[in-house]
Amino acid sequence: MKTITRVSDDRYSRDLRRYNLALRMLRLAARPNTIRSWTGFSDHRVRGILRSYRHGSHRVPGIRRGPSPTHLGALLANPNLRSELTAMAGLCRVLGLIPAERISNARTRLPNIALGERLCHVLETFREIVPHARLTLEELLLLVFALAEGDVWSVDHCTTCRAVILVDRLSVSRRVCADCQQEACATKIVEHAAVEGSVPGAEPDPLGSAGVQQSLF
């Protein structure tokens, strides 16, 4: 009898964790298919949770439909978002949220309740520290999947100051952070002015080079 009770309690506790994770992901505007993947709930169960959440006293965020984002490079094209993603990548690496060894098909193999809870907590904490942050849960998950697979994207260090940056493993661009790139541009402007005897009318774009990481702050 004790064994039956213990098994029943374990199943209840697990189901409660899955339900609470679904609610946290809803509050972070996760897509229904994302909630299903990380909780293991069926489509019917996810729809039921969403209906209950909407009919309650909760403020429902905009629920996006369709497939989750799949191309990290498109997100990194935005300098501000690139900064947030890089800061988050470093944080996830330090906290052990990204596997030490590269894994294939991370989108299928990685989702589980415990990791989902930790990632939600990390994003919630990040938003408290950086109130203007634009990073979404879906974008964070894409980052984790990409770094876990490690085929294209990885975390590296600026070759000049050793700051953490996100790099394309297939790119031949110099791996430098925004601060070092800006400093290099400023040095070139001063040298050019000294040679020409005048200050150029327009400064070069310090973020024009591929693979340059903009500062979050």
N, C-alpha and C. Protein backbone atom coordinates (compact mmCIF):
# COMPACT_ATOMS: atom_id res chain seq x y z
N MET A 1 0.83 -1.21 0.00
CA MET A 1 0.00 0.00 0.00
C MET A 1 0.87 1.26 0.00
N LYS A 2 1.95 1.22 0.78
CA LYS A 2 2.85 2.38 0.83
C LYS A 2 3.49 2.62 -0.52
N THR A 3 3.82 1.50 -1.21
CA THR A 3 4.45 1.64 -2.52
C THR A 3 3.49 2.29 -3.51
N ILE A 4 2.22 1.88 -3.49
CA ILE A 4 1.22 2.44 -4.38
C ILE A 4 1.04 3.93 -4.11
N THR A 5 0.99 4.28 -2.82
CA THR A 5 0.82 5.69 -2.44
C THR A 5 2.00 6.53 -2.91
N ARG A 6 3.22 5.96 -2.75
CA ARG A 6 4.42 6.69 -3.15
C ARG A 6 4.42 6.92 -4.66
N VAL A 7 4.06 5.90 -5.44
CA VAL A 7 4.01 6.04 -6.89
C VAL A 7 2.98 7.07 -7.29
N SER A 8 1.84 7.05 -6.62
CA SER A 8 0.79 8.02 -6.91
C SER A 8 1.24 9.44 -6.60
N ASP A 9 1.92 9.61 -5.47
CA ASP A 9 2.43 10.93 -5.09
C ASP A 9 3.48 11.42 -6.09
N ASP A 10 4.35 10.52 -6.55
CA ASP A 10 5.38 10.90 -7.52
C ASP A 10 4.75 11.36 -8.82
N ARG A 11 3.72 10.65 -9.27
CA ARG A 11 3.05 11.03 -10.51
C ARG A 11 2.34 12.37 -10.36
N TYR A 12 1.75 12.57 -9.20
CA TYR A 12 1.07 13.85 -8.96
C TYR A 12 2.08 15.00 -8.95
N SER A 13 3.20 14.79 -8.27
CA SER A 13 4.22 15.83 -8.19
C SER A 13 4.78 16.15 -9.57
N ARG A 14 5.01 15.10 -10.37
CA ARG A 14 5.53 15.32 -11.71
C ARG A 14 4.51 16.07 -12.58
N ASP A 15 3.25 15.68 -12.49
CA ASP A 15 2.22 16.34 -13.27
C ASP A 15 2.07 17.79 -12.84
N LEU A 16 2.20 18.05 -11.56
CA LEU A 16 2.10 19.43 -11.06
C LEU A 16 3.26 20.27 -11.58
N ARG A 17 4.45 19.71 -11.62
CA ARG A 17 5.60 20.43 -12.15
C ARG A 17 5.40 20.74 -13.63
N ARG A 18 4.88 19.79 -14.37
CA ARG A 18 4.61 20.01 -15.79
C ARG A 18 3.58 21.12 -15.98
N TYR A 19 2.55 21.10 -15.14
CA TYR A 19 1.51 22.12 -15.24
C TYR A 19 2.07 23.50 -14.91
N ASN A 20 2.85 23.58 -13.83
CA ASN A 20 3.43 24.88 -13.45
C ASN A 20 4.41 25.38 -14.50
N LEU A 21 5.15 24.46 -15.12
CA LEU A 21 6.06 24.87 -16.19
C LEU A 21 5.28 25.41 -17.38
N ALA A 22 4.15 24.78 -17.68
CA ALA A 22 3.30 25.26 -18.78
C ALA A 22 2.82 26.68 -18.51
N LEU A 23 2.43 26.96 -17.27
CA LEU A 23 1.97 28.30 -16.91
C LEU A 23 3.10 29.32 -17.02
N ARG A 24 4.29 28.96 -16.55
CA ARG A 24 5.42 29.88 -16.65
C ARG A 24 5.74 30.19 -18.10
N MET A 25 5.71 29.17 -18.94
CA MET A 25 5.97 29.39 -20.35
C MET A 25 4.89 30.23 -21.01
N LEU A 26 3.65 30.06 -20.57
CA LEU A 26 2.57 30.91 -21.08
C LEU A 26 2.82 32.36 -20.73
N ARG A 27 3.23 32.60 -19.50
CA ARG A 27 3.50 33.98 -19.07
C ARG A 27 4.67 34.59 -19.85
N LEU A 28 5.55 33.72 -20.34
CA LEU A 28 6.70 34.19 -21.12
C LEU A 28 6.42 34.14 -22.62
N ALA A 29 5.12 34.00 -22.97
CA ALA A 29 4.65 34.06 -24.37
C ALA A 29 5.22 32.95 -25.24
N ALA A 30 5.36 31.76 -24.68
CA ALA A 30 5.82 30.62 -25.48
C ALA A 30 4.71 30.14 -26.41
N ARG A 31 5.09 29.60 -27.52
CA ARG A 31 4.12 29.01 -28.44
C ARG A 31 3.57 27.70 -27.87
N PRO A 32 2.34 27.34 -28.23
CA PRO A 32 1.77 26.07 -27.74
C PRO A 32 2.64 24.86 -28.05
N ASN A 33 3.25 24.84 -29.25
CA ASN A 33 4.08 23.68 -29.59
C ASN A 33 5.34 23.62 -28.72
N THR A 34 5.82 24.77 -28.27
CA THR A 34 6.98 24.81 -27.37
C THR A 34 6.59 24.25 -26.01
N ILE A 35 5.43 24.65 -25.52
CA ILE A 35 4.94 24.15 -24.22
C ILE A 35 4.75 22.64 -24.28
N ARG A 36 4.22 22.16 -25.39
CA ARG A 36 4.01 20.72 -25.54
C ARG A 36 5.35 19.97 -25.51
N SER A 37 6.34 20.50 -26.19
CA SER A 37 7.64 19.83 -26.27
C SER A 37 8.32 19.74 -24.91
N TRP A 38 8.24 20.82 -24.13
CA TRP A 38 8.97 20.86 -22.86
C TRP A 38 8.22 20.22 -21.70
N THR A 39 6.90 20.16 -21.77
CA THR A 39 6.13 19.56 -20.68
C THR A 39 5.74 18.12 -20.95
N GLY A 40 5.68 17.74 -22.23
CA GLY A 40 5.22 16.40 -22.56
C GLY A 40 3.71 16.29 -22.60
N PHE A 41 3.00 17.40 -22.43
CA PHE A 41 1.54 17.38 -22.49
C PHE A 41 1.08 17.21 -23.94
N SER A 42 -0.12 16.69 -24.10
CA SER A 42 -0.72 16.55 -25.41
C SER A 42 -1.23 17.91 -25.90
N ASP A 43 -1.53 17.99 -27.19
CA ASP A 43 -2.11 19.22 -27.75
C ASP A 43 -3.41 19.57 -27.02
N HIS A 44 -4.21 18.56 -26.75
CA HIS A 44 -5.49 18.79 -26.08
C HIS A 44 -5.27 19.37 -24.67
N ARG A 45 -4.30 18.83 -23.96
CA ARG A 45 -4.03 19.32 -22.60
C ARG A 45 -3.51 20.75 -22.64
N VAL A 46 -2.63 21.04 -23.59
CA VAL A 46 -2.08 22.40 -23.69
C VAL A 46 -3.20 23.39 -24.01
N ARG A 47 -4.08 23.03 -24.93
CA ARG A 47 -5.21 23.91 -25.25
C ARG A 47 -6.10 24.13 -24.05
N GLY A 48 -6.31 23.09 -23.25
CA GLY A 48 -7.13 23.22 -22.05
C GLY A 48 -6.49 24.17 -21.04
N ILE A 49 -5.17 24.06 -20.87
CA ILE A 49 -4.47 24.95 -19.94
C ILE A 49 -4.55 26.39 -20.42
N LEU A 50 -4.41 26.58 -21.73
CA LEU A 50 -4.48 27.92 -22.30
C LEU A 50 -5.87 28.52 -22.11
N ARG A 51 -6.92 27.74 -22.31
CA ARG A 51 -8.30 28.24 -22.11
C ARG A 51 -8.53 28.61 -20.65
N SER A 52 -8.07 27.75 -19.75
CA SER A 52 -8.25 28.03 -18.32
C SER A 52 -7.50 29.29 -17.91
N TYR A 53 -6.31 29.44 -18.47
CA TYR A 53 -5.49 30.61 -18.15
C TYR A 53 -6.15 31.89 -18.65
N ARG A 54 -6.72 31.83 -19.83
CA ARG A 54 -7.39 33.00 -20.40
C ARG A 54 -8.65 33.37 -19.63
N HIS A 55 -9.35 32.37 -19.14
CA HIS A 55 -10.62 32.63 -18.45
C HIS A 55 -10.42 33.00 -16.98
N GLY A 56 -9.19 32.87 -16.50
CA GLY A 56 -8.91 33.23 -15.12
C GLY A 56 -8.64 34.72 -14.98
N SER A 57 -8.03 35.07 -13.89
CA SER A 57 -7.75 36.49 -13.62
C SER A 57 -6.39 36.91 -14.15
N HIS A 58 -5.76 36.04 -14.93
CA HIS A 58 -4.42 36.33 -15.43
C HIS A 58 -4.48 37.19 -16.68
N ARG A 59 -3.47 37.98 -16.85
CA ARG A 59 -3.31 38.73 -18.09
C ARG A 59 -2.56 37.85 -19.07
N VAL A 60 -3.21 37.53 -20.17
CA VAL A 60 -2.63 36.61 -21.14
C VAL A 60 -1.75 37.36 -22.13
N PRO A 61 -0.48 36.98 -22.25
CA PRO A 61 0.37 37.63 -23.25
C PRO A 61 -0.04 37.20 -24.65
N GLY A 62 0.49 37.90 -25.64
CA GLY A 62 0.17 37.52 -27.00
C GLY A 62 0.74 36.14 -27.33
N ILE A 63 -0.13 35.21 -27.67
CA ILE A 63 0.30 33.86 -27.99
C ILE A 63 0.61 33.77 -29.48
N ARG A 64 1.84 33.45 -29.81
CA ARG A 64 2.22 33.34 -31.21
C ARG A 64 1.93 31.93 -31.70
N ARG A 65 1.53 31.87 -32.94
CA ARG A 65 1.24 30.59 -33.57
C ARG A 65 2.34 30.22 -34.56
N GLY A 66 2.24 29.01 -35.06
CA GLY A 66 3.19 28.58 -36.07
C GLY A 66 4.47 28.03 -35.46
N PRO A 67 5.43 27.70 -36.29
CA PRO A 67 6.69 27.11 -35.82
C PRO A 67 7.55 28.10 -35.05
N SER A 68 8.36 27.58 -34.17
CA SER A 68 9.29 28.41 -33.40
C SER A 68 10.43 28.86 -34.31
N PRO A 69 11.13 29.96 -33.94
CA PRO A 69 12.25 30.43 -34.76
C PRO A 69 13.34 29.36 -34.86
N THR A 70 13.97 29.28 -36.00
CA THR A 70 14.96 28.22 -36.23
C THR A 70 16.33 28.74 -36.68
N HIS A 71 16.46 30.03 -36.97
CA HIS A 71 17.72 30.56 -37.49
C HIS A 71 18.30 31.61 -36.53
N LEU A 72 19.31 31.21 -35.79
CA LEU A 72 19.93 32.13 -34.84
C LEU A 72 20.60 33.30 -35.54
N GLY A 73 21.14 33.08 -36.71
CA GLY A 73 21.82 34.14 -37.44
C GLY A 73 20.92 35.33 -37.72
N ALA A 74 19.64 35.07 -37.99
CA ALA A 74 18.69 36.16 -38.25
C ALA A 74 18.50 37.02 -37.01
N LEU A 75 18.51 36.41 -35.83
CA LEU A 75 18.36 37.18 -34.58
C LEU A 75 19.62 37.99 -34.30
N LEU A 76 20.77 37.42 -34.60
CA LEU A 76 22.03 38.10 -34.30
C LEU A 76 22.31 39.27 -35.23
N ALA A 77 21.52 39.39 -36.28
CA ALA A 77 21.68 40.54 -37.18
C ALA A 77 21.26 41.83 -36.50
N ASN A 78 20.44 41.72 -35.45
CA ASN A 78 20.02 42.89 -34.67
C ASN A 78 21.07 43.14 -33.59
N PRO A 79 21.80 44.28 -33.61
CA PRO A 79 22.88 44.51 -32.65
C PRO A 79 22.44 44.43 -31.19
N ASN A 80 21.27 45.01 -30.86
CA ASN A 80 20.82 44.99 -29.47
C ASN A 80 20.48 43.58 -29.01
N LEU A 81 19.78 42.85 -29.86
CA LEU A 81 19.40 41.49 -29.52
C LEU A 81 20.63 40.60 -29.46
N ARG A 82 21.61 40.89 -30.29
CA ARG A 82 22.87 40.13 -30.27
C ARG A 82 23.54 40.29 -28.91
N SER A 83 23.50 41.47 -28.36
CA SER A 83 24.11 41.71 -27.05
C SER A 83 23.41 40.89 -25.97
N GLU A 84 22.08 40.88 -26.01
CA GLU A 84 21.32 40.12 -25.02
C GLU A 84 21.57 38.63 -25.15
N LEU A 85 21.59 38.15 -26.38
CA LEU A 85 21.82 36.73 -26.61
C LEU A 85 23.22 36.31 -26.14
N THR A 86 24.20 37.19 -26.36
CA THR A 86 25.56 36.87 -25.92
C THR A 86 25.66 36.85 -24.40
N ALA A 87 25.04 37.83 -23.75
CA ALA A 87 25.04 37.85 -22.29
C ALA A 87 24.35 36.59 -21.75
N MET A 88 23.24 36.21 -22.37
CA MET A 88 22.52 35.02 -21.94
C MET A 88 23.32 33.75 -22.21
N ALA A 89 24.03 33.72 -23.33
CA ALA A 89 24.85 32.55 -23.64
C ALA A 89 25.93 32.34 -22.58
N GLY A 90 26.58 33.44 -22.18
CA GLY A 90 27.58 33.33 -21.13
C GLY A 90 26.99 32.87 -19.82
N LEU A 91 25.79 33.39 -19.50
CA LEU A 91 25.13 33.01 -18.25
C LEU A 91 24.74 31.54 -18.27
N CYS A 92 24.18 31.10 -19.39
CA CYS A 92 23.77 29.69 -19.50
C CYS A 92 24.98 28.76 -19.43
N ARG A 93 26.08 29.20 -20.01
CA ARG A 93 27.29 28.38 -19.98
C ARG A 93 27.81 28.25 -18.55
N VAL A 94 27.83 29.36 -17.82
CA VAL A 94 28.32 29.35 -16.44
C VAL A 94 27.42 28.48 -15.55
N LEU A 95 26.11 28.55 -15.78
CA LEU A 95 25.16 27.82 -14.94
C LEU A 95 24.97 26.37 -15.38
N GLY A 96 25.67 25.95 -16.41
CA GLY A 96 25.60 24.57 -16.84
C GLY A 96 24.31 24.21 -17.57
N LEU A 97 23.66 25.21 -18.17
CA LEU A 97 22.41 24.94 -18.88
C LEU A 97 22.65 24.49 -20.31
N ILE A 98 23.88 24.57 -20.76
CA ILE A 98 24.26 24.09 -22.09
C ILE A 98 25.18 22.89 -21.90
N PRO A 99 24.88 21.76 -22.51
CA PRO A 99 25.71 20.55 -22.32
C PRO A 99 27.17 20.81 -22.65
N ALA A 100 28.03 20.20 -21.87
CA ALA A 100 29.47 20.35 -22.11
C ALA A 100 29.88 19.70 -23.44
N GLU A 101 29.23 18.61 -23.77
CA GLU A 101 29.50 17.91 -25.01
C GLU A 101 28.42 18.25 -26.04
N ARG A 102 28.82 18.42 -27.28
CA ARG A 102 27.88 18.73 -28.35
C ARG A 102 26.93 17.56 -28.56
N ILE A 103 25.64 17.87 -28.78
CA ILE A 103 24.65 16.83 -29.02
C ILE A 103 23.93 17.13 -30.32
N SER A 104 23.54 16.10 -31.01
CA SER A 104 22.80 16.27 -32.26
C SER A 104 21.31 16.34 -31.99
N ASN A 105 20.59 17.02 -32.87
CA ASN A 105 19.13 17.13 -32.78
C ASN A 105 18.69 17.60 -31.39
N ALA A 106 19.28 18.70 -30.93
CA ALA A 106 19.01 19.19 -29.58
C ALA A 106 17.54 19.56 -29.37
N ARG A 107 16.87 20.01 -30.41
CA ARG A 107 15.48 20.42 -30.27
C ARG A 107 14.59 19.26 -29.83
N THR A 108 15.00 18.05 -30.17
CA THR A 108 14.24 16.87 -29.77
C THR A 108 14.76 16.26 -28.48
N ARG A 109 16.06 16.23 -28.31
CA ARG A 109 16.67 15.51 -27.20
C ARG A 109 16.80 16.33 -25.92
N LEU A 110 16.86 17.65 -26.04
CA LEU A 110 17.16 18.49 -24.88
C LEU A 110 15.96 18.79 -23.98
N PRO A 111 14.77 19.04 -24.51
CA PRO A 111 13.65 19.46 -23.64
C PRO A 111 13.32 18.46 -22.53
N ASN A 112 13.24 18.98 -21.32
CA ASN A 112 12.77 18.22 -20.16
C ASN A 112 12.29 19.21 -19.11
N ILE A 113 11.59 18.72 -18.14
CA ILE A 113 10.95 19.61 -17.15
C ILE A 113 11.99 20.41 -16.36
N ALA A 114 13.01 19.73 -15.86
CA ALA A 114 13.99 20.40 -15.01
C ALA A 114 14.71 21.52 -15.75
N LEU A 115 15.16 21.24 -16.97
CA LEU A 115 15.86 22.26 -17.74
C LEU A 115 14.92 23.39 -18.13
N GLY A 116 13.67 23.06 -18.46
CA GLY A 116 12.70 24.09 -18.78
C GLY A 116 12.47 25.04 -17.61
N GLU A 117 12.39 24.49 -16.40
CA GLU A 117 12.21 25.32 -15.21
C GLU A 117 13.40 26.25 -15.01
N ARG A 118 14.58 25.73 -15.21
CA ARG A 118 15.79 26.53 -15.00
C ARG A 118 15.92 27.64 -16.04
N LEU A 119 15.57 27.33 -17.29
CA LEU A 119 15.65 28.34 -18.33
C LEU A 119 14.61 29.45 -18.11
N CYS A 120 13.42 29.08 -17.67
CA CYS A 120 12.42 30.10 -17.34
C CYS A 120 12.92 31.00 -16.22
N HIS A 121 13.52 30.39 -15.22
CA HIS A 121 14.04 31.17 -14.09
C HIS A 121 15.15 32.11 -14.53
N VAL A 122 16.04 31.62 -15.39
CA VAL A 122 17.14 32.45 -15.88
C VAL A 122 16.60 33.65 -16.66
N LEU A 123 15.61 33.42 -17.53
CA LEU A 123 15.06 34.53 -18.32
C LEU A 123 14.32 35.51 -17.42
N GLU A 124 13.57 35.03 -16.45
CA GLU A 124 12.85 35.91 -15.52
C GLU A 124 13.83 36.77 -14.73
N THR A 125 14.92 36.16 -14.29
CA THR A 125 15.93 36.90 -13.54
C THR A 125 16.63 37.91 -14.44
N PHE A 126 16.93 37.51 -15.67
CA PHE A 126 17.59 38.40 -16.63
C PHE A 126 16.74 39.64 -16.88
N ARG A 127 15.42 39.46 -16.99
CA ARG A 127 14.54 40.60 -17.24
C ARG A 127 14.46 41.53 -16.03
N GLU A 128 14.65 40.99 -14.84
CA GLU A 128 14.68 41.85 -13.65
C GLU A 128 15.96 42.68 -13.63
N ILE A 129 17.05 42.07 -14.05
CA ILE A 129 18.34 42.77 -14.06
C ILE A 129 18.42 43.78 -15.21
N VAL A 130 17.86 43.39 -16.37
CA VAL A 130 17.87 44.24 -17.56
C VAL A 130 16.41 44.51 -17.95
N PRO A 131 15.77 45.50 -17.33
CA PRO A 131 14.33 45.74 -17.54
C PRO A 131 13.95 46.00 -19.00
N HIS A 132 14.86 46.56 -19.78
CA HIS A 132 14.55 46.87 -21.18
C HIS A 132 14.83 45.70 -22.11
N ALA A 133 15.15 44.54 -21.58
CA ALA A 133 15.51 43.39 -22.40
C ALA A 133 14.38 43.00 -23.34
N ARG A 134 14.74 42.64 -24.56
CA ARG A 134 13.78 42.24 -25.58
C ARG A 134 13.78 40.74 -25.81
N LEU A 135 14.74 40.04 -25.25
CA LEU A 135 14.89 38.61 -25.47
C LEU A 135 13.65 37.85 -25.01
N THR A 136 13.14 36.96 -25.86
CA THR A 136 11.97 36.16 -25.53
C THR A 136 12.41 34.74 -25.16
N LEU A 137 11.47 33.99 -24.60
CA LEU A 137 11.77 32.60 -24.25
C LEU A 137 12.07 31.79 -25.51
N GLU A 138 11.31 32.01 -26.56
CA GLU A 138 11.54 31.27 -27.80
C GLU A 138 12.94 31.53 -28.34
N GLU A 139 13.41 32.75 -28.25
CA GLU A 139 14.75 33.10 -28.73
C GLU A 139 15.82 32.49 -27.83
N LEU A 140 15.55 32.47 -26.53
CA LEU A 140 16.49 31.84 -25.61
C LEU A 140 16.62 30.35 -25.90
N LEU A 141 15.50 29.68 -26.14
CA LEU A 141 15.53 28.25 -26.43
C LEU A 141 16.29 27.98 -27.73
N LEU A 142 16.08 28.83 -28.74
CA LEU A 142 16.82 28.67 -29.99
C LEU A 142 18.32 28.80 -29.75
N LEU A 143 18.70 29.76 -28.91
CA LEU A 143 20.11 29.95 -28.57
C LEU A 143 20.68 28.69 -27.92
N VAL A 144 19.95 28.14 -26.96
CA VAL A 144 20.42 26.95 -26.25
C VAL A 144 20.54 25.76 -27.20
N PHE A 145 19.56 25.59 -28.08
CA PHE A 145 19.63 24.50 -29.05
C PHE A 145 20.86 24.65 -29.95
N ALA A 146 21.07 25.87 -30.46
CA ALA A 146 22.18 26.11 -31.38
C ALA A 146 23.54 25.86 -30.71
N LEU A 147 23.69 26.31 -29.46
CA LEU A 147 24.96 26.13 -28.77
C LEU A 147 25.14 24.68 -28.33
N ALA A 148 24.05 24.00 -28.01
CA ALA A 148 24.14 22.60 -27.62
C ALA A 148 24.61 21.74 -28.79
N GLU A 149 24.11 22.04 -29.99
CA GLU A 149 24.54 21.30 -31.17
C GLU A 149 25.94 21.71 -31.60
N GLY A 150 26.22 23.02 -31.53
CA GLY A 150 27.58 23.50 -31.78
C GLY A 150 28.09 23.36 -33.19
N ASP A 151 27.21 23.11 -34.15
CA ASP A 151 27.66 22.95 -35.53
C ASP A 151 28.04 24.28 -36.17
N VAL A 152 27.30 25.33 -35.84
CA VAL A 152 27.51 26.64 -36.46
C VAL A 152 27.93 27.69 -35.44
N TRP A 153 27.22 27.74 -34.31
CA TRP A 153 27.44 28.81 -33.33
C TRP A 153 28.11 28.28 -32.07
N SER A 154 28.95 29.13 -31.49
CA SER A 154 29.63 28.78 -30.24
C SER A 154 29.95 30.03 -29.44
N VAL A 155 30.28 29.84 -28.19
CA VAL A 155 30.71 30.94 -27.32
C VAL A 155 32.23 30.99 -27.35
N ASP A 156 32.75 32.19 -27.56
CA ASP A 156 34.21 32.37 -27.62
C ASP A 156 34.56 33.63 -26.85
N HIS A 157 35.80 34.07 -26.98
CA HIS A 157 36.27 35.28 -26.31
C HIS A 157 36.85 36.24 -27.33
N CYS A 158 36.68 37.52 -27.05
CA CYS A 158 37.28 38.55 -27.89
C CYS A 158 38.79 38.35 -27.91
N THR A 159 39.36 38.42 -29.09
CA THR A 159 40.79 38.19 -29.23
C THR A 159 41.63 39.30 -28.59
N THR A 160 40.99 40.42 -28.29
CA THR A 160 41.72 41.54 -27.70
C THR A 160 41.55 41.64 -26.19
N CYS A 161 40.29 41.65 -25.74
CA CYS A 161 40.04 41.87 -24.31
C CYS A 161 39.49 40.65 -23.58
N ARG A 162 39.22 39.57 -24.31
CA ARG A 162 38.74 38.31 -23.75
C ARG A 162 37.30 38.35 -23.28
N ALA A 163 36.53 39.38 -23.68
CA ALA A 163 35.10 39.41 -23.35
C ALA A 163 34.39 38.28 -24.08
N VAL A 164 33.29 37.80 -23.49
CA VAL A 164 32.52 36.71 -24.10
C VAL A 164 31.78 37.24 -25.33
N ILE A 165 31.85 36.49 -26.43
CA ILE A 165 31.13 36.84 -27.64
C ILE A 165 30.55 35.57 -28.27
N LEU A 166 29.52 35.76 -29.09
CA LEU A 166 28.95 34.67 -29.87
C LEU A 166 29.59 34.70 -31.25
N VAL A 167 30.04 33.56 -31.73
CA VAL A 167 30.73 33.54 -33.01
C VAL A 167 30.17 32.45 -33.92
N ASP A 168 30.22 32.75 -35.19
CA ASP A 168 29.89 31.78 -36.22
C ASP A 168 31.14 30.95 -36.48
N ARG A 169 31.05 29.67 -36.23
CA ARG A 169 32.23 28.79 -36.37
C ARG A 169 32.72 28.74 -37.81
N LEU A 170 31.85 29.04 -38.76
CA LEU A 170 32.21 28.96 -40.17
C LEU A 170 32.73 30.28 -40.72
N SER A 171 32.68 31.34 -39.90
CA SER A 171 33.09 32.66 -40.37
C SER A 171 34.59 32.85 -40.21
N VAL A 172 35.17 33.63 -41.12
CA VAL A 172 36.60 33.94 -41.04
C VAL A 172 36.82 35.35 -40.48
N SER A 173 35.73 36.01 -40.05
CA SER A 173 35.85 37.36 -39.52
C SER A 173 36.63 37.36 -38.21
N ARG A 174 37.30 38.45 -37.96
CA ARG A 174 38.06 38.60 -36.71
C ARG A 174 37.10 38.61 -35.53
N ARG A 175 37.42 37.90 -34.48
CA ARG A 175 36.53 37.75 -33.34
C ARG A 175 36.84 38.81 -32.29
N VAL A 176 36.10 39.93 -32.39
CA VAL A 176 36.30 41.04 -31.46
C VAL A 176 34.95 41.53 -30.95
N CYS A 177 34.94 42.11 -29.76
CA CYS A 177 33.72 42.67 -29.19
C CYS A 177 33.52 44.10 -29.69
N ALA A 178 32.38 44.67 -29.38
CA ALA A 178 32.05 46.01 -29.86
C ALA A 178 33.01 47.07 -29.32
N ASP A 179 33.35 46.95 -28.03
CA ASP A 179 34.23 47.96 -27.43
C ASP A 179 35.59 47.99 -28.12
N CYS A 180 36.14 46.81 -28.39
CA CYS A 180 37.45 46.77 -29.05
C CYS A 180 37.35 47.24 -30.49
N GLN A 181 36.23 46.91 -31.15
CA GLN A 181 36.03 47.37 -32.52
C GLN A 181 35.93 48.90 -32.57
N GLN A 182 35.18 49.48 -31.62
CA GLN A 182 35.03 50.93 -31.57
C GLN A 182 36.37 51.60 -31.26
N GLU A 183 37.12 50.99 -30.37
CA GLU A 183 38.44 51.55 -30.04
C GLU A 183 39.36 51.52 -31.25
N ALA A 184 39.30 50.42 -31.99
CA ALA A 184 40.13 50.31 -33.19
C ALA A 184 39.72 51.34 -34.23
N CYS A 185 38.41 51.56 -34.38
CA CYS A 185 37.93 52.57 -35.33
C CYS A 185 38.37 53.97 -34.91
N ALA A 186 38.26 54.25 -33.60
CA ALA A 186 38.66 55.57 -33.10
C ALA A 186 40.15 55.81 -33.34
N THR A 187 40.95 54.77 -33.15
CA THR A 187 42.39 54.89 -33.39
C THR A 187 42.68 55.20 -34.86
N LYS A 188 41.95 54.52 -35.75
CA LYS A 188 42.15 54.76 -37.18
C LYS A 188 41.76 56.18 -37.56
N ILE A 189 40.69 56.70 -36.94
CA ILE A 189 40.25 58.07 -37.23
C ILE A 189 41.31 59.08 -36.82
N VAL A 190 41.86 58.85 -35.61
CA VAL A 190 42.90 59.77 -35.12
C VAL A 190 44.13 59.70 -36.02
N GLU A 191 44.53 58.49 -36.40
CA GLU A 191 45.70 58.34 -37.27
C GLU A 191 45.46 58.98 -38.63
N HIS A 192 44.25 58.80 -39.15
CA HIS A 192 43.92 59.39 -40.44
C HIS A 192 43.94 60.92 -40.36
N ALA A 193 43.39 61.45 -39.24
CA ALA A 193 43.36 62.89 -39.06
C ALA A 193 44.78 63.45 -38.96
N ALA A 194 45.64 62.69 -38.30
CA ALA A 194 47.02 63.15 -38.15
C ALA A 194 47.73 63.19 -39.50
N VAL A 195 47.42 62.20 -40.33
CA VAL A 195 48.05 62.14 -41.65
C VAL A 195 47.49 63.21 -42.58
N GLU A 196 46.16 63.34 -42.57
CA GLU A 196 45.51 64.27 -43.50
C GLU A 196 45.46 65.70 -42.98
N GLY A 197 45.63 65.84 -41.67
CA GLY A 197 45.59 67.17 -41.08
C GLY A 197 44.18 67.67 -40.84
N SER A 198 43.20 66.78 -40.95
CA SER A 198 41.81 67.16 -40.68
C SER A 198 41.04 65.94 -40.24
N VAL A 199 39.93 66.19 -39.56
CA VAL A 199 39.08 65.11 -39.07
C VAL A 199 38.11 64.73 -40.16
N PRO A 200 38.00 63.47 -40.52
CA PRO A 200 37.06 63.06 -41.56
C PRO A 200 35.64 63.48 -41.22
N GLY A 201 34.86 63.72 -42.25
CA GLY A 201 33.49 64.20 -42.02
C GLY A 201 32.55 63.14 -41.50
N ALA A 202 32.82 61.89 -41.76
CA ALA A 202 31.91 60.84 -41.31
C ALA A 202 32.73 59.70 -40.72
N GLU A 203 32.26 59.18 -39.61
CA GLU A 203 32.94 58.08 -38.95
C GLU A 203 32.43 56.76 -39.49
N PRO A 204 33.28 55.76 -39.59
CA PRO A 204 32.83 54.45 -40.06
C PRO A 204 31.92 53.80 -39.04
N ASP A 205 31.05 52.94 -39.52
CA ASP A 205 30.12 52.21 -38.64
C ASP A 205 30.91 51.21 -37.82
N PRO A 206 30.95 51.35 -36.49
CA PRO A 206 31.76 50.45 -35.66
C PRO A 206 31.19 49.05 -35.61
N LEU A 207 29.95 48.85 -36.07
CA LEU A 207 29.34 47.53 -36.03
C LEU A 207 29.17 46.96 -37.42
N GLY A 208 29.89 47.54 -38.36
CA GLY A 208 29.70 47.12 -39.73
C GLY A 208 30.32 45.77 -40.04
N SER A 209 31.28 45.33 -39.27
CA SER A 209 31.95 44.07 -39.56
C SER A 209 31.15 42.91 -39.02
N ALA A 210 31.09 41.85 -39.76
CA ALA A 210 30.37 40.66 -39.31
C ALA A 210 31.07 40.06 -38.11
N GLY A 211 30.28 39.53 -37.19
CA GLY A 211 30.84 38.85 -36.05
C GLY A 211 31.23 39.77 -34.92
N VAL A 212 30.90 41.05 -34.98
CA VAL A 212 31.25 41.98 -33.90
C VAL A 212 30.13 42.04 -32.89
N GLN A 213 30.46 41.92 -31.62
CA GLN A 213 29.47 41.88 -30.56
C GLN A 213 29.27 43.25 -29.94
N GLN A 214 28.03 43.74 -29.94
CA GLN A 214 27.74 45.02 -29.32
C GLN A 214 27.59 44.86 -27.81
N SER A 215 27.99 45.88 -27.05
CA SER A 215 27.87 45.83 -25.61
C SER A 215 26.43 45.89 -25.17
N LEU A 216 26.07 45.09 -24.16
CA LEU A 216 24.70 45.07 -23.65
C LEU A 216 24.40 46.34 -22.89
N PHE A 217 25.37 46.91 -22.22
CA PHE A 217 25.16 48.08 -21.38
C PHE A 217 25.76 49.33 -22.00
